[in-house]
C-alpha atoms as a PDB file:
ATOM      1  CA  MET A   1      57.331  12.372  35.246  1.00  0.00           C
ATOM      2  CA  LYS A   2      57.924  16.044  34.517  1.00  0.00           C
ATOM      3  CA  ALA A   3      61.129  16.929  32.650  1.00  0.00           C
ATOM      4  CA  ALA A   4      63.676  19.040  34.514  1.00  0.00           C
ATOM      5  CA  THR A   5      64.134  22.602  33.320  1.00  0.00           C
ATOM      6  CA  THR A   6      66.882  25.123  33.869  1.00  0.00           C
ATOM      7  CA  ASP A   7      64.418  27.270  35.842  1.00  0.00           C
ATOM      8  CA  GLY A   8      65.260  25.190  38.910  1.00  0.00           C
ATOM      9  CA  LEU A   9      68.940  26.066  38.636  1.00  0.00           C
ATOM     10  CA  LYS A  10      68.626  29.750  39.459  1.00  0.00           C
ATOM     11  CA  PRO A  11      70.255  30.822  42.734  1.00  0.00           C
ATOM     12  CA  ARG A  12      67.904  32.000  45.458  1.00  0.00           C
ATOM     13  CA  LYS A  13      69.980  35.125  46.044  1.00  0.00           C
ATOM     14  CA  GLN A  14      72.676  37.017  44.208  1.00  0.00           C
ATOM     15  CA  PRO A  15      75.884  37.781  46.116  1.00  0.00           C
ATOM     16  CA  THR A  16      75.987  41.385  47.282  1.00  0.00           C
ATOM     17  CA  GLN A  17      79.614  41.661  48.400  1.00  0.00           C
ATOM     18  CA  SER A  18      82.318  41.666  45.740  1.00  0.00           C
ATOM     19  CA  ARG A  19      84.278  38.877  47.416  1.00  0.00           C
ATOM     20  CA  SER A  20      81.144  36.716  47.435  1.00  0.00           C
ATOM     21  CA  GLY A  21      80.765  37.266  43.719  1.00  0.00           C
ATOM     22  CA  VAL A  22      84.387  36.266  43.205  1.00  0.00           C
ATOM     23  CA  THR A  23      83.818  33.094  45.237  1.00  0.00           C
ATOM     24  CA  VAL A  24      80.709  32.167  43.238  1.00  0.00           C
ATOM     25  CA  GLU A  25      82.577  32.737  39.970  1.00  0.00           C
ATOM     26  CA  ALA A  26      85.500  30.600  41.196  1.00  0.00           C
ATOM     27  CA  ILE A  27      83.108  27.779  42.104  1.00  0.00           C
ATOM     28  CA  HIS A  28      81.461  27.998  38.675  1.00  0.00           C
ATOM     29  CA  GLU A  29      84.855  27.862  36.973  1.00  0.00           C
ATOM     30  CA  ALA A  30      86.002  24.919  39.112  1.00  0.00           C
ATOM     31  CA  THR A  31      82.746  23.100  38.329  1.00  0.00           C
ATOM     32  CA  ILE A  32      83.340  23.502  34.607  1.00  0.00           C
ATOM     33  CA  GLN A  33      86.938  22.300  34.954  1.00  0.00           C
ATOM     34  CA  VAL A  34      85.877  19.199  36.898  1.00  0.00           C
ATOM     35  CA  LEU A  35      83.108  18.378  34.415  1.00  0.00           C
ATOM     36  CA  LEU A  36      85.572  18.648  31.523  1.00  0.00           C
ATOM     37  CA  ALA A  37      88.221  16.559  33.297  1.00  0.00           C
ATOM     38  CA  GLU A  38      86.055  13.857  34.890  1.00  0.00           C
ATOM     39  CA  ASP A  39      83.247  11.593  33.808  1.00  0.00           C
ATOM     40  CA  MET A  40      79.816  12.973  34.767  1.00  0.00           C
ATOM     41  CA  GLY A  41      79.221   9.931  36.977  1.00  0.00           C
ATOM     42  CA  ARG A  42      82.274  10.835  39.058  1.00  0.00           C
ATOM     43  CA  PHE A  43      81.278  14.481  39.583  1.00  0.00           C
ATOM     44  CA  THR A  44      81.101  15.491  43.250  1.00  0.00           C
ATOM     45  CA  THR A  45      81.149  18.756  45.145  1.00  0.00           C
ATOM     46  CA  THR A  46      84.276  17.482  46.886  1.00  0.00           C
ATOM     47  CA  LEU A  47      86.118  17.395  43.546  1.00  0.00           C
ATOM     48  CA  VAL A  48      85.008  20.985  42.898  1.00  0.00           C
ATOM     49  CA  ALA A  49      86.150  22.104  46.354  1.00  0.00           C
ATOM     50  CA  ASP A  50      89.503  20.340  45.917  1.00  0.00           C
ATOM     51  CA  ARG A  51      89.987  21.974  42.515  1.00  0.00           C
ATOM     52  CA  GLU A  52      89.269  25.457  43.866  1.00  0.00           C
ATOM     53  CA  CYS A  53      90.732  24.895  47.369  1.00  0.00           C
ATOM     54  CA  VAL A  54      87.481  26.038  48.969  1.00  0.00           C
END
């Protein structure tokens, strides 16, 4: 099986509007907070959304 690389983690598009960029940054920050606070096995997008109120 082929090992995963970070190349697959690049977004398809970059946000063009400033508010979209702010939203993406907020999601990234919330993701980091959840990963630091929770066990990796408990990580879900719902926890990220709850953290950031998205």
